[in-house]
Amino acid sequence: MSGSGKLQGNIVDIHERRIFHGELTFENGKITELLKLGDEAPGETYLLPGFIDAHIHIESSMLTPFEFAKKALTHGTIATISDPHEIANVCGMEGVRFMMENAQGAGLRFCFGAPSCVPATTFETAGAEITATDIEWLLSQKEFLYLSEMMNYPGVLFKDPMVMEKIAIAHRFGKPVDGHAPGLQGEQAIQYIEAGISTDHECFTLDEALHKVNNGMKILIREGSAARNFDALHPLLQSHPSMVMFCSDDKHPDELMTGHINKIVARAVALGYDLFDVLRCASINPISHYKIPAGCLRIGDPADFIIVENLKEFDVVATYVDGFCLSENGQSKLSDKNQTPINHFMPYEIQTKDLELYGQAGKFRVIDAIDGQLVTKCSIHDTKGGVLSSDIGSDILKLVVVNRYKQSKPAVAFIRNIGIKSGAFASTVAHDSHNIIAVGVHDDAIAKAVNALMESQGGLCVINEGNADVLPLPVAGLMSLDPCEVVAKDYERLDAQVKQMGCKLRAPFMTLSFMALLVIPEMKLSDLGLFDGSSFKFIPLQPE
């Protein structure tokens, strides 16, 4: 069943690079006529193709796919290229099936990828594994349009048999392979691309992006809640508009309340880039690359389109998919959905003494967090005696990762640039294995934060003046069952507390969640120890 109707307005024809006042007719979910009534009419609304997020982990919004859709549709997003590897790392194929089933009836076109790297590495403890056999089954399903980000770029470069088998499966199905190779350049980047990997969303310098795009790779300009690369990469919109797409990668609920891809489009247009080039990057390029079954506002296409007030702010009046109006004036038209959570968690209690560190007088390594980036730096600092502990004056705090799947000794290291002067905060959103990650000024507060999440079996937690404030995430420790408005309000409360404790990061919880992501250099912490993401090996806390 699909929608039918007629609408008038200024029609934005991206293919022909023209705008005209016209009438759009659609029947049974298909566009049947585009009638030109005259030139562009001042004061009229604009009809244009809907926006597409070309790479996102829905789980990072802390919303289920259905609840994500209810909010994203109000911002003109009609489709997402969704990698479910977050929940796959926790619950395996059961988690992937949860995402598929939960997305049904949401209207928004969720185009899923088969997770290529679950677990992301062998240097951490994940909750599940996605095998090559699993990938073959997933890519045989119409909902799965691509092999999701191949984070194991060393495996590609060294032609690891399992890695190459997964890529070969995608090629056999004629489906693209997404990349993930931050900082990779030169002959290694060319080798990575020549393995048949077609995109990268991890470029953080223009030189890196230009090197990759000039060797045939499409670049996704990412503007998420933690990683923000638009300012570095936007010149590609002029030099290579056919090779660019927009994505958020990870989007927290508070920011999803205010906008999505429409905000990136507005920023690009405000900088003076060609309107049609920008809109192409936001819609036609991902539709073409991933073969998304979505419409581009042409006769015969699915009746997928949005209505905006103007071509500056791109505030969305209404969003249509298959001819049905799914949101209007900022309000979703989707009904509520019964949702049953799944999880994989073995709770146990840790003690303060489990977090104590003793070492030799001398040097120790510290992870340097960078606001707005997933990459980190490594610095060396002096110990003060034989006990290694947080140094608030130097903004060096203890960082802890605790296995959520089996009882194990916590991994402990140090991090700088978090900034809190009291308490602790923790999360079970800790890419990619989603063990518990916590940071704090003293061991008592860290242990209390970890144990609060053990008790809730997933969520975010702040320990402020000794009190624990928890945002429960019952779906795999990653997602709430509540709507975006509720989750955003709870998240904003915790975020404000962390900033009141002294944190200067734009998105403290998002930044913290990436401090366990080993495939992003330079130094990270897994539940098994301190890890050098450049050499891809464990390193001691104290240099030898």
Protein backbone atom coordinates (compact mmCIF):
# COMPACT_ATOMS: atom_id res chain seq x y z
CA MET A 1 0.00 0.00 0.00
CA SER A 2 1.40 3.40 -1.01
CA GLY A 3 0.29 6.99 -1.07
CA SER A 4 -1.16 9.18 -3.81
CA GLY A 5 -1.69 12.92 -4.20
CA LYS A 6 -0.72 16.24 -5.79
CA LEU A 7 1.46 19.03 -4.42
CA GLN A 8 2.54 22.40 -5.75
CA GLY A 9 5.69 24.33 -4.95
CA ASN A 10 9.13 25.20 -6.23
CA ILE A 11 10.55 21.91 -7.54
CA VAL A 12 14.31 21.42 -7.20
CA ASP A 13 15.54 19.29 -10.10
CA ILE A 14 19.08 18.27 -9.13
CA HIS A 15 19.74 16.27 -12.29
CA GLU A 16 18.90 19.14 -14.64
CA ARG A 17 20.23 21.76 -12.19
CA ARG A 18 17.09 23.89 -12.31
CA ILE A 19 14.33 25.15 -10.03
CA PHE A 20 10.81 25.82 -11.29
CA HIS A 21 7.35 26.37 -9.90
CA GLY A 22 5.40 23.22 -10.60
CA GLU A 23 3.01 20.48 -9.62
CA LEU A 24 4.10 17.03 -8.43
CA THR A 25 1.68 14.14 -8.95
CA PHE A 26 2.23 10.74 -7.33
CA GLU A 27 0.08 7.62 -7.46
CA ASN A 28 0.51 4.38 -5.52
CA GLY A 29 3.83 5.56 -4.17
CA LYS A 30 5.35 6.51 -7.55
CA ILE A 31 5.88 9.91 -9.15
CA THR A 32 3.74 10.04 -12.28
CA GLU A 33 4.02 13.67 -13.36
CA LEU A 34 6.17 16.76 -12.83
CA LEU A 35 4.33 19.68 -14.42
CA LYS A 36 6.08 23.02 -14.84
CA LEU A 37 3.75 25.92 -14.04
CA GLY A 38 6.27 28.70 -14.32
CA ASP A 39 9.54 30.09 -13.01
CA GLU A 40 10.65 29.79 -9.39
CA ALA A 41 8.02 31.55 -7.26
CA PRO A 42 9.21 33.68 -4.34
CA GLY A 43 7.56 32.81 -1.04
CA GLU A 44 6.65 29.26 -2.08
CA THR A 45 8.01 26.19 -0.32
CA TYR A 46 10.51 23.92 -2.09
CA LEU A 47 10.16 20.23 -3.01
CA LEU A 48 13.41 18.29 -3.28
CA PRO A 49 14.82 14.77 -2.80
CA GLY A 50 15.13 13.63 0.80
CA PHE A 51 18.47 13.52 2.60
CA ILE A 52 20.53 10.39 3.24
CA ASP A 53 23.02 9.72 6.02
CA ALA A 54 25.68 7.78 4.12
CA HIS A 55 27.18 6.12 7.22
CA ILE A 56 25.69 5.88 10.69
CA HIS A 57 25.53 3.54 13.65
CA ILE A 58 21.94 3.95 14.81
CA GLU A 59 22.91 2.50 18.19
CA SER A 60 25.03 5.57 18.96
CA SER A 61 21.89 7.70 19.05
CA MET A 62 20.90 5.55 22.05
CA LEU A 63 17.59 5.06 20.24
CA THR A 64 16.13 1.99 18.60
CA PRO A 65 15.81 2.24 14.81
CA PHE A 66 12.07 2.91 15.10
CA GLU A 67 12.54 5.77 17.58
CA PHE A 68 15.45 7.12 15.54
CA ALA A 69 13.24 7.22 12.45
CA LYS A 70 10.51 9.17 14.25
CA LYS A 71 12.95 12.03 14.86
CA ALA A 72 15.20 11.82 11.78
CA LEU A 73 12.22 11.98 9.43
CA THR A 74 11.30 15.39 10.85
CA HIS A 75 14.68 16.66 9.60
CA GLY A 76 14.16 15.36 6.06
CA THR A 77 16.21 12.16 6.36
CA ILE A 78 14.55 9.49 4.23
CA ALA A 79 17.28 6.83 4.32
CA THR A 80 20.36 5.79 6.25
CA ILE A 81 23.31 3.60 5.39
CA SER A 82 23.28 1.85 8.75
CA ASP A 83 26.09 -0.31 10.08
CA PRO A 84 24.73 -2.45 12.97
CA HIS A 85 28.13 -3.55 14.18
CA GLU A 86 27.68 -1.94 17.61
CA ILE A 87 24.90 -4.29 18.64
CA ALA A 88 26.55 -7.10 16.67
CA ASN A 89 29.62 -6.82 18.89
CA VAL A 90 27.37 -7.35 21.89
CA CYS A 91 24.70 -9.78 20.69
CA GLY A 92 25.94 -11.11 17.34
CA MET A 93 23.40 -12.12 14.73
CA GLU A 94 20.60 -11.81 17.28
CA GLY A 95 21.48 -8.12 17.54
CA VAL A 96 21.49 -7.65 13.77
CA ARG A 97 18.08 -9.32 13.52
CA PHE A 98 16.81 -7.03 16.29
CA MET A 99 17.77 -3.99 14.22
CA MET A 100 16.09 -5.38 11.09
CA GLU A 101 12.87 -6.26 12.88
CA ASN A 102 12.71 -3.05 14.90
CA ALA A 103 13.14 -0.97 11.73
CA GLN A 104 10.08 -2.51 10.12
CA GLY A 105 7.19 -0.11 9.81
CA ALA A 106 9.35 2.93 10.49
CA GLY A 107 8.93 4.41 7.01
CA LEU A 108 12.54 5.61 6.87
CA ARG A 109 14.60 3.42 4.55
CA PHE A 110 17.16 1.67 6.76
CA CYS A 111 19.78 0.25 4.41
CA PHE A 112 21.86 -2.08 6.53
CA GLY A 113 25.40 -3.27 6.02
CA ALA A 114 26.81 -6.67 6.94
CA PRO A 115 29.26 -6.00 9.81
CA SER A 116 32.72 -6.86 8.52
CA CYS A 117 34.73 -6.68 11.74
CA VAL A 118 32.97 -8.31 14.69
CA PRO A 119 34.97 -8.38 16.83
CA ALA A 120 36.86 -5.34 15.59
CA THR A 121 40.18 -6.82 16.71
CA THR A 122 41.55 -9.81 18.60
CA PHE A 123 42.96 -7.46 21.23
CA GLU A 124 39.71 -7.02 23.17
CA THR A 125 36.81 -9.07 24.50
CA ALA A 126 33.61 -8.74 22.51
CA GLY A 127 30.29 -10.42 23.16
CA ALA A 128 29.96 -12.17 19.80
CA GLU A 129 31.43 -12.89 16.38
CA ILE A 130 30.08 -12.38 12.87
CA THR A 131 31.61 -15.00 10.59
CA ALA A 132 32.10 -15.06 6.83
CA THR A 133 29.17 -17.50 6.68
CA ASP A 134 27.01 -14.97 8.52
CA ILE A 135 28.08 -12.23 6.11
CA GLU A 136 27.21 -14.37 3.11
CA TRP A 137 23.70 -14.88 4.48
CA LEU A 138 23.25 -11.20 5.32
CA LEU A 139 24.36 -10.00 1.90
CA SER A 140 21.90 -12.37 0.29
CA GLN A 141 19.09 -10.38 1.96
CA LYS A 142 17.62 -7.35 0.19
CA GLU A 143 17.88 -5.21 3.34
CA PHE A 144 21.69 -5.49 3.31
CA LEU A 145 23.19 -3.34 0.59
CA TYR A 146 26.90 -3.38 1.39
CA LEU A 147 29.76 -4.78 3.49
CA SER A 148 30.18 -2.30 6.30
CA GLU A 149 33.39 -0.52 7.22
CA MET A 150 36.48 -2.70 6.90
CA MET A 151 38.23 -1.44 10.01
CA ASN A 152 40.88 -4.14 9.92
CA TYR A 153 43.00 -2.30 7.38
CA PRO A 154 46.17 -4.16 8.49
CA GLY A 155 44.31 -7.35 7.58
CA VAL A 156 43.66 -5.92 4.11
CA LEU A 157 47.27 -4.84 3.65
CA PHE A 158 48.63 -8.21 4.76
CA LYS A 159 45.91 -10.11 2.87
CA ASP A 160 44.53 -11.91 5.90
CA PRO A 161 42.51 -14.85 4.47
CA MET A 162 39.41 -14.17 6.57
CA VAL A 163 39.40 -10.47 5.71
CA MET A 164 39.86 -11.13 2.01
CA GLU A 165 37.10 -13.76 2.05
CA LYS A 166 34.61 -11.25 3.45
CA ILE A 167 35.54 -8.69 0.79
CA ALA A 168 35.26 -11.36 -1.91
CA ILE A 169 31.76 -12.29 -0.72
CA ALA A 170 30.60 -8.68 -1.10
CA HIS A 171 32.09 -8.45 -4.58
CA ARG A 172 30.41 -11.71 -5.54
CA PHE A 173 27.04 -10.19 -4.61
CA GLY A 174 27.93 -7.00 -6.47
CA LYS A 175 27.70 -4.94 -3.30
CA PRO A 176 30.13 -2.17 -2.29
CA VAL A 177 32.62 -2.40 0.57
CA ASP A 178 32.91 0.53 2.97
CA GLY A 179 36.30 1.56 4.25
CA HIS A 180 37.79 2.73 7.52
CA ALA A 181 41.44 3.73 7.27
CA PRO A 182 42.21 6.87 9.29
CA GLY A 183 45.47 8.50 8.28
CA LEU A 184 46.34 5.84 5.71
CA GLN A 185 48.14 7.37 2.71
CA GLY A 186 50.70 6.54 0.05
CA GLU A 187 51.15 3.06 -1.34
CA GLN A 188 49.31 1.49 1.59
CA ALA A 189 46.21 3.58 0.87
CA ILE A 190 46.38 2.61 -2.80
CA GLN A 191 46.70 -1.06 -1.86
CA TYR A 192 43.70 -0.73 0.46
CA ILE A 193 41.61 0.88 -2.30
CA GLU A 194 42.71 -1.67 -4.89
CA ALA A 195 41.36 -4.44 -2.65
CA GLY A 196 37.95 -3.17 -3.76
CA ILE A 197 37.13 -0.82 -0.89
CA SER A 198 35.15 2.10 -2.20
CA THR A 199 34.61 4.68 0.58
CA ASP A 200 36.19 6.19 3.67
CA HIS A 201 34.55 8.30 6.36
CA GLU A 202 37.66 8.58 8.58
CA CYS A 203 39.69 11.24 6.71
CA PHE A 204 40.62 14.06 9.07
CA THR A 205 42.87 16.13 6.78
CA LEU A 206 42.20 17.45 3.29
CA ASP A 207 45.51 16.04 1.99
CA GLU A 208 44.50 12.55 3.09
CA ALA A 209 41.06 12.89 1.50
CA LEU A 210 42.49 14.22 -1.77
CA HIS A 211 45.00 11.38 -1.97
CA LYS A 212 42.25 8.82 -1.54
CA VAL A 213 39.72 10.47 -3.85
CA ASN A 214 42.35 10.88 -6.56
CA ASN A 215 42.89 7.13 -6.37
CA GLY A 216 39.21 6.39 -6.89
CA MET A 217 37.81 6.30 -3.36
CA LYS A 218 34.64 8.19 -2.44
CA ILE A 219 34.89 10.37 0.65
CA LEU A 220 32.18 10.71 3.26
CA ILE A 221 32.35 14.07 5.02
CA ARG A 222 31.52 13.25 8.61
CA GLU A 223 29.92 15.65 11.06
CA GLY A 224 28.87 13.67 14.11
CA SER A 225 28.62 14.24 17.83
CA ALA A 226 32.29 13.41 18.48
CA ALA A 227 34.15 13.39 15.16
CA ARG A 228 33.68 16.55 13.12
CA ASN A 229 35.57 16.73 9.85
CA PHE A 230 33.44 19.15 7.82
CA ASP A 231 35.72 22.14 8.41
CA ALA A 232 38.73 20.21 7.11
CA LEU A 233 37.09 18.50 4.16
CA HIS A 234 34.46 20.86 2.72
CA PRO A 235 36.70 22.04 -0.18
CA LEU A 236 35.95 18.63 -1.73
CA LEU A 237 32.44 19.94 -2.44
CA GLN A 238 33.92 22.18 -5.11
CA SER A 239 36.76 20.01 -6.38
CA HIS A 240 35.09 16.56 -6.37
CA PRO A 241 31.29 16.88 -5.88
CA SER A 242 30.61 13.56 -7.62
CA MET A 243 32.84 11.73 -5.12
CA VAL A 244 31.43 13.08 -1.85
CA MET A 245 28.64 12.09 0.52
CA PHE A 246 27.57 13.34 3.95
CA CYS A 247 27.38 11.24 7.12
CA SER A 248 27.15 11.56 10.88
CA ASP A 249 28.67 8.18 11.87
CA ASP A 250 27.54 8.69 15.48
CA LYS A 251 24.76 11.05 16.52
CA HIS A 252 23.72 11.59 20.12
CA PRO A 253 20.03 12.18 20.90
CA ASP A 254 20.39 15.80 22.00
CA GLU A 255 21.87 16.78 18.65
CA LEU A 256 19.36 14.67 16.72
CA MET A 257 16.64 16.78 18.34
CA THR A 258 17.94 19.85 16.52
CA GLY A 259 18.87 18.46 13.11
CA HIS A 260 20.59 15.84 11.00
CA ILE A 261 21.98 15.89 7.45
CA ASN A 262 19.92 19.03 6.76
CA LYS A 263 22.26 20.95 9.06
CA ILE A 264 25.33 19.88 7.06
CA VAL A 265 23.59 20.92 3.84
CA ALA A 266 22.78 24.33 5.30
CA ARG A 267 26.40 24.86 6.41
CA ALA A 268 27.73 23.94 2.97
CA VAL A 269 25.32 26.27 1.17
CA ALA A 270 26.13 29.08 3.61
CA LEU A 271 29.81 28.75 2.65
CA GLY A 272 28.86 29.47 -0.95
CA TYR A 273 29.11 26.02 -2.49
CA ASP A 274 26.91 25.30 -5.46
CA LEU A 275 23.40 24.35 -4.29
CA PHE A 276 23.01 21.50 -6.76
CA ASP A 277 26.44 20.03 -5.93
CA VAL A 278 25.62 20.08 -2.22
CA LEU A 279 22.20 18.47 -2.71
CA ARG A 280 23.77 15.86 -4.96
CA CYS A 281 26.14 14.89 -2.14
CA ALA A 282 23.20 14.69 0.29
CA SER A 283 20.96 12.51 -1.86
CA ILE A 284 21.85 11.36 -5.37
CA ASN A 285 25.44 10.27 -4.69
CA PRO A 286 24.53 7.78 -1.90
CA ILE A 287 21.50 6.53 -3.83
CA SER A 288 23.71 5.81 -6.82
CA HIS A 289 26.63 4.32 -4.87
CA TYR A 290 24.65 1.99 -2.60
CA LYS A 291 21.79 1.35 -5.06
CA ILE A 292 19.28 2.57 -2.49
CA PRO A 293 15.66 1.95 -3.55
CA ALA A 294 14.82 5.62 -2.99
CA GLY A 295 13.54 8.34 -5.26
CA CYS A 296 15.40 11.33 -6.74
CA LEU A 297 12.30 13.33 -7.71
CA ARG A 298 11.97 12.02 -11.26
CA ILE A 299 8.99 10.50 -13.06
CA GLY A 300 8.82 6.80 -12.25
CA ASP A 301 10.78 7.16 -9.00
CA PRO A 302 9.38 6.26 -5.58
CA ALA A 303 7.57 9.28 -4.18
CA ASP A 304 10.30 10.08 -1.67
CA PHE A 305 10.76 13.81 -1.19
CA ILE A 306 10.80 16.58 1.35
CA ILE A 307 9.30 20.07 1.56
CA VAL A 308 11.46 22.85 3.01
CA GLU A 309 10.68 26.47 3.77
CA ASN A 310 13.75 27.81 1.96
CA LEU A 311 17.10 26.78 0.50
CA LYS A 312 19.18 28.39 3.23
CA GLU A 313 18.25 26.88 6.61
CA PHE A 314 16.60 23.77 5.11
CA ASP A 315 14.03 23.60 7.91
CA VAL A 316 11.76 20.73 6.91
CA VAL A 317 8.02 21.23 6.61
CA ALA A 318 7.15 17.66 5.63
CA THR A 319 8.79 14.35 4.69
CA TYR A 320 7.27 11.83 2.29
CA VAL A 321 8.34 8.23 1.67
CA ASP A 322 6.48 6.08 -0.86
CA GLY A 323 3.95 8.89 -1.12
CA PHE A 324 3.07 8.86 2.58
CA CYS A 325 3.58 11.96 4.70
CA LEU A 326 5.56 10.58 7.65
CA SER A 327 6.29 13.88 9.38
CA GLU A 328 4.82 17.35 9.22
CA ASN A 329 5.82 20.60 10.95
CA GLY A 330 8.38 18.84 13.11
CA GLN A 331 6.00 16.12 14.32
CA SER A 332 6.29 12.44 13.44
CA LYS A 333 3.18 10.70 12.14
CA LEU A 334 4.41 7.23 13.12
CA SER A 335 2.49 5.35 15.78
CA ASP A 336 4.23 3.86 18.81
CA LYS A 337 5.71 0.37 18.57
CA ASN A 338 6.02 -2.44 21.11
CA GLN A 339 9.72 -3.12 21.64
CA THR A 340 11.32 -5.94 23.61
CA PRO A 341 14.97 -5.43 24.63
CA ILE A 342 17.80 -7.91 24.17
CA ASN A 343 21.11 -7.86 26.06
CA HIS A 344 24.34 -9.71 26.80
CA PHE A 345 25.68 -8.86 30.24
CA MET A 346 27.19 -10.66 33.24
CA PRO A 347 27.06 -8.30 36.22
CA TYR A 348 29.57 -8.52 39.05
CA GLU A 349 30.98 -6.10 41.60
CA ILE A 350 34.43 -4.55 41.43
CA GLN A 351 36.35 -3.24 44.42
CA THR A 352 38.33 -0.03 44.75
CA LYS A 353 41.48 -2.08 45.28
CA ASP A 354 40.98 -3.62 41.81
CA LEU A 355 41.81 -0.21 40.33
CA GLU A 356 45.03 0.44 42.22
CA LEU A 357 48.25 0.70 40.20
CA TYR A 358 51.80 0.36 41.42
CA GLY A 359 54.90 0.95 39.35
CA GLN A 360 58.46 2.13 39.30
CA ALA A 361 59.35 5.76 39.77
CA GLY A 362 59.90 7.32 36.37
CA LYS A 363 57.83 7.77 33.25
CA PHE A 364 54.33 6.59 32.28
CA ARG A 365 52.21 6.87 29.17
CA VAL A 366 49.07 9.02 28.98
CA ILE A 367 46.34 9.03 26.31
CA ASP A 368 45.71 12.58 25.10
CA ALA A 369 42.08 13.01 24.06
CA ILE A 370 41.36 15.54 21.29
CA ASP A 371 38.01 17.30 21.27
CA GLY A 372 36.11 16.69 18.03
CA GLN A 373 38.37 13.84 16.90
CA LEU A 374 38.50 10.06 17.34
CA VAL A 375 42.28 9.99 16.99
CA THR A 376 44.34 10.50 20.13
CA LYS A 377 47.92 11.40 20.93
CA CYS A 378 50.30 9.85 23.44
CA SER A 379 52.36 11.81 25.93
CA ILE A 380 54.86 10.79 28.60
CA HIS A 381 54.68 12.03 32.18
CA ASP A 382 56.60 11.52 35.41
CA THR A 383 55.29 9.40 38.25
CA LYS A 384 55.09 10.76 41.76
CA GLY A 385 56.39 7.87 43.80
CA GLY A 386 55.48 4.23 43.33
CA VAL A 387 51.68 4.69 43.25
CA LEU A 388 50.16 5.66 39.92
CA SER A 389 47.05 7.76 40.50
CA SER A 390 45.09 10.62 39.02
CA ASP A 391 46.69 14.07 39.07
CA ILE A 392 43.87 16.61 38.92
CA GLY A 393 46.26 19.56 38.74
CA SER A 394 47.80 18.19 35.55
CA ASP A 395 44.42 17.00 34.22
CA ILE A 396 45.68 13.41 34.17
CA LEU A 397 42.91 11.05 35.24
CA LYS A 398 42.59 7.31 35.64
CA LEU A 399 40.86 5.54 32.76
CA VAL A 400 39.36 2.08 33.28
CA VAL A 401 37.85 -0.57 31.00
CA VAL A 402 35.98 -3.47 32.65
CA ASN A 403 34.82 -6.62 30.86
CA ARG A 404 31.02 -6.84 30.85
CA TYR A 405 30.82 -10.39 29.47
CA LYS A 406 32.83 -12.28 32.10
CA GLN A 407 34.42 -11.43 35.44
CA SER A 408 37.93 -10.12 34.82
CA LYS A 409 40.49 -7.78 36.30
CA PRO A 410 39.92 -4.19 35.12
CA ALA A 411 42.37 -2.64 32.67
CA VAL A 412 43.71 0.66 33.96
CA ALA A 413 45.57 3.52 32.25
CA PHE A 414 45.60 7.32 32.23
CA ILE A 415 44.03 10.00 30.07
CA ARG A 416 44.44 13.77 29.71
CA ASN A 417 42.12 16.56 28.53
CA ILE A 418 38.95 15.19 30.18
CA GLY A 419 39.06 18.02 32.69
CA ILE A 420 36.77 16.91 35.52
CA LYS A 421 37.82 18.04 38.99
CA SER A 422 35.57 15.70 40.98
CA GLY A 423 33.64 12.42 40.69
CA ALA A 424 33.60 10.09 37.69
CA PHE A 425 31.54 9.14 34.67
CA ALA A 426 31.14 5.84 32.85
CA SER A 427 29.39 4.17 29.93
CA THR A 428 28.65 0.80 28.37
CA VAL A 429 28.80 2.54 24.99
CA ALA A 430 32.50 1.85 24.43
CA HIS A 431 33.40 1.13 20.82
CA ASP A 432 33.53 -1.46 19.56
CA SER A 433 33.20 -4.25 22.12
CA HIS A 434 31.11 -2.11 24.49
CA ASN A 435 32.67 -3.12 27.74
CA ILE A 436 32.33 -0.63 30.60
CA ILE A 437 34.60 2.40 30.26
CA ALA A 438 35.01 4.90 33.09
CA VAL A 439 37.13 7.91 33.98
CA GLY A 440 37.42 9.67 37.32
CA VAL A 441 39.48 11.61 39.80
CA HIS A 442 39.74 8.83 42.37
CA ASP A 443 39.26 5.08 42.56
CA ASP A 444 36.20 5.14 44.85
CA ALA A 445 34.19 7.23 42.38
CA ILE A 446 35.29 5.11 39.40
CA ALA A 447 34.35 1.86 41.16
CA LYS A 448 30.98 3.31 42.14
CA ALA A 449 30.27 4.33 38.52
CA VAL A 450 31.25 0.91 37.18
CA ASN A 451 29.13 -0.91 39.76
CA ALA A 452 26.10 1.29 39.03
CA LEU A 453 26.29 0.18 35.40
CA MET A 454 26.79 -3.43 36.45
CA GLU A 455 23.56 -3.15 38.43
CA SER A 456 21.59 -1.54 35.57
CA GLN A 457 23.22 -3.89 33.02
CA GLY A 458 24.00 -1.04 30.71
CA GLY A 459 23.77 2.71 30.37
CA LEU A 460 25.52 5.97 31.17
CA CYS A 461 26.42 7.02 34.70
CA VAL A 462 27.72 10.11 36.49
CA ILE A 463 29.06 10.07 40.04
CA ASN A 464 28.68 13.63 41.29
CA GLU A 465 29.19 14.46 44.97
CA GLY A 466 28.92 10.76 45.73
CA ASN A 467 25.52 10.34 44.06
CA ALA A 468 24.98 8.03 41.08
CA ASP A 469 22.80 9.28 38.22
CA VAL A 470 22.15 6.59 35.60
CA LEU A 471 20.57 6.68 32.14
CA PRO A 472 19.63 3.01 31.60
CA LEU A 473 20.17 1.52 28.13
CA PRO A 474 18.39 -1.85 28.33
CA VAL A 475 18.88 -2.80 24.67
CA ALA A 476 22.37 -4.35 24.62
CA GLY A 477 23.62 -1.61 26.95
CA LEU A 478 23.44 0.68 23.90
CA MET A 479 19.87 1.83 23.36
CA SER A 480 16.85 2.99 25.30
CA LEU A 481 13.27 2.06 24.46
CA ASP A 482 12.13 5.64 25.07
CA PRO A 483 11.52 8.28 22.37
CA CYS A 484 14.21 10.75 21.41
CA GLU A 485 12.68 13.57 23.45
CA VAL A 486 12.95 11.55 26.69
CA VAL A 487 16.42 10.12 26.03
CA ALA A 488 17.75 13.51 24.94
CA LYS A 489 16.51 15.15 28.14
CA ASP A 490 18.10 12.46 30.33
CA TYR A 491 21.32 12.61 28.33
CA GLU A 492 21.47 16.40 28.56
CA ARG A 493 21.13 16.14 32.35
CA LEU A 494 24.11 13.80 32.62
CA ASP A 495 26.11 15.79 30.06
CA ALA A 496 25.52 18.99 32.06
CA GLN A 497 26.69 17.32 35.26
CA VAL A 498 29.96 16.19 33.68
CA LYS A 499 30.58 19.71 32.37
CA GLN A 500 29.77 21.18 35.78
CA MET A 501 32.47 18.88 37.15
CA GLY A 502 34.95 20.68 34.89
CA CYS A 503 34.89 18.84 31.56
CA LYS A 504 35.41 21.12 28.55
CA LEU A 505 34.74 18.52 25.85
CA ARG A 506 31.82 19.20 23.54
CA ALA A 507 30.50 15.65 23.92
CA PRO A 508 32.14 14.01 26.97
CA PHE A 509 30.33 10.67 26.77
CA MET A 510 30.88 10.35 23.03
CA THR A 511 34.58 11.12 23.38
CA LEU A 512 34.90 8.64 26.24
CA SER A 513 33.19 5.94 24.18
CA PHE A 514 35.97 6.07 21.58
CA MET A 515 38.85 5.71 24.02
CA ALA A 516 38.49 1.93 23.68
CA LEU A 517 38.37 1.92 19.87
CA LEU A 518 41.67 0.22 19.07
CA VAL A 519 41.49 0.65 15.28
CA ILE A 520 41.82 4.44 15.63
CA PRO A 521 45.38 5.58 16.47
CA GLU A 522 47.36 6.63 18.38
CA MET A 523 46.76 5.03 21.80
CA LYS A 524 43.63 3.45 23.32
CA LEU A 525 42.65 1.10 26.16
CA SER A 526 40.85 -2.24 25.82
CA ASP A 527 39.73 -4.57 28.59
CA LEU A 528 43.01 -6.43 27.95
CA GLY A 529 45.37 -3.48 28.24
CA LEU A 530 46.94 -0.36 26.77
CA PHE A 531 47.13 -0.52 22.97
CA ASP A 532 49.19 1.26 20.33
CA GLY A 533 46.88 1.72 17.33
CA SER A 534 49.77 2.67 15.04
CA SER A 535 51.86 -0.47 15.58
CA PHE A 536 48.77 -2.57 16.39
CA LYS A 537 50.14 -4.11 19.57
CA PHE A 538 49.87 -3.86 23.35
CA ILE A 539 52.32 -1.58 25.10
CA PRO A 540 53.25 -1.24 28.80
CA LEU A 541 51.98 1.69 30.82
CA GLN A 542 55.54 2.52 31.78
CA PRO A 543 58.12 2.67 28.97
CA GLU A 544 60.95 0.23 29.46
